[in-house]
Amino acid sequence: MHPIDGYLLEGSPAKADAVAAILADRDPGEHAQPFYRALELLGAKTPDEALMGLRIALTGRLPEDDDIRTLRAHVAAARTGDATARAAYLAAVGTPG
């Protein structure tokens, strides 16, 4: 599981550890680069929405506002134990559930 997924869905790794792991293993995709710069500057203070945007960018897509809102809703529901929302989040970021 990608560190962003683990942090957002399960709270593990901790946000600071997720950010460190993300920065240590950067994807060369052009859509991800602005997010890496934000992570370098903000570290664990990076908003979760920026992590969601990066996660979408890592699929090769340019994140749109609606994508972020959708992921945010999936994450909120998944954190309450909603397995359907968890599966929808993972499908949206191209990770097998």
Protein backbone atom coordinates (compact mmCIF):
# COMPACT_ATOMS: atom_id res chain seq x y z
CA MET A 1 0.00 0.00 0.00
CA HIS A 2 1.29 3.47 -0.85
CA PRO A 3 2.23 5.54 2.24
CA ILE A 4 -0.43 8.12 1.33
CA ASP A 5 -3.11 5.42 1.29
CA GLY A 6 -1.97 4.02 4.61
CA TYR A 7 -1.91 7.45 6.24
CA LEU A 8 -5.27 8.56 4.86
CA LEU A 9 -7.18 5.32 5.34
CA GLU A 10 -5.58 3.83 8.46
CA GLY A 11 -3.51 6.55 10.10
CA SER A 12 -0.42 4.43 9.62
CA PRO A 13 2.20 5.48 8.89
CA ALA A 14 1.96 8.78 10.76
CA LYS A 15 1.78 11.79 8.47
CA ALA A 16 5.42 12.82 9.06
CA ASP A 17 6.59 9.28 8.25
CA ALA A 18 4.36 9.14 5.17
CA VAL A 19 5.78 12.44 3.91
CA ALA A 20 9.36 11.21 4.50
CA ALA A 21 8.65 7.97 2.62
CA ILE A 22 7.03 9.85 -0.26
CA LEU A 23 9.99 12.21 -0.60
CA ALA A 24 12.46 9.32 -0.42
CA ASP A 25 10.81 7.50 -3.33
CA ARG A 26 9.67 10.12 -5.82
CA ASP A 27 7.85 9.32 -9.02
CA PRO A 28 9.27 11.19 -12.03
CA GLY A 29 5.82 12.01 -13.46
CA GLU A 30 5.42 15.67 -14.31
CA HIS A 31 2.03 16.05 -12.59
CA ALA A 32 3.55 14.99 -9.26
CA GLN A 33 6.43 17.47 -9.15
CA PRO A 34 4.55 20.50 -7.73
CA PHE A 35 3.23 18.30 -4.93
CA TYR A 36 6.74 17.12 -4.04
CA ARG A 37 7.84 20.76 -3.79
CA ALA A 38 4.93 21.44 -1.43
CA LEU A 39 5.86 18.42 0.70
CA GLU A 40 9.46 19.63 0.89
CA LEU A 41 8.29 23.03 2.15
CA LEU A 42 5.45 21.99 4.45
CA GLY A 43 6.40 18.50 5.59
CA ALA A 44 3.82 17.10 8.01
CA LYS A 45 1.88 20.39 7.81
CA THR A 46 0.94 19.55 4.22
CA PRO A 47 -2.86 19.50 3.96
CA ASP A 48 -4.41 16.10 3.39
CA GLU A 49 -5.98 17.47 0.21
CA ALA A 50 -2.49 18.02 -1.20
CA LEU A 51 -1.65 14.39 -0.43
CA MET A 52 -4.85 13.37 -2.23
CA GLY A 53 -3.85 15.53 -5.19
CA LEU A 54 -0.44 13.88 -5.28
CA ARG A 55 -2.03 10.46 -5.08
CA ILE A 56 -4.18 11.29 -8.13
CA ALA A 57 -1.15 12.75 -9.94
CA LEU A 58 0.71 9.48 -9.33
CA THR A 59 -1.92 7.75 -11.47
CA GLY A 60 -0.84 9.99 -14.36
CA ARG A 61 -3.89 12.24 -14.17
CA LEU A 62 -4.04 15.92 -13.42
CA PRO A 63 -6.10 16.27 -10.22
CA GLU A 64 -9.29 18.29 -10.47
CA ASP A 65 -11.27 19.82 -7.61
CA ASP A 66 -14.01 17.22 -8.00
CA ASP A 67 -11.42 14.43 -7.74
CA ILE A 68 -10.18 15.84 -4.44
CA ARG A 69 -13.71 16.28 -3.07
CA THR A 70 -14.55 12.70 -4.03
CA LEU A 71 -11.42 11.29 -2.40
CA ARG A 72 -12.00 13.39 0.71
CA ALA A 73 -15.52 11.94 1.03
CA HIS A 74 -14.22 8.39 0.51
CA VAL A 75 -11.50 8.89 3.13
CA ALA A 76 -13.92 10.35 5.69
CA ALA A 77 -16.30 7.42 5.24
CA ALA A 78 -13.51 4.83 5.16
CA ARG A 79 -12.18 6.13 8.48
CA THR A 80 -15.53 5.26 10.05
CA GLY A 81 -15.18 1.67 8.83
CA ASP A 82 -17.10 1.95 5.56
CA ALA A 83 -15.56 -0.82 3.44
CA THR A 84 -17.34 0.39 0.30
CA ALA A 85 -15.80 3.86 0.65
CA ARG A 86 -12.37 2.30 1.24
CA ALA A 87 -12.73 0.21 -1.93
CA ALA A 88 -13.92 3.29 -3.86
CA TYR A 89 -10.89 5.28 -2.69
CA LEU A 90 -8.50 2.49 -3.68
CA ALA A 91 -10.19 2.10 -7.08
CA ALA A 92 -9.95 5.86 -7.66
CA VAL A 93 -6.20 5.81 -7.09
CA GLY A 94 -5.66 2.61 -9.04
CA THR A 95 -4.72 0.38 -6.11
CA PRO A 96 -6.21 -3.10 -5.83
CA GLY A 97 -8.29 -3.42 -2.66
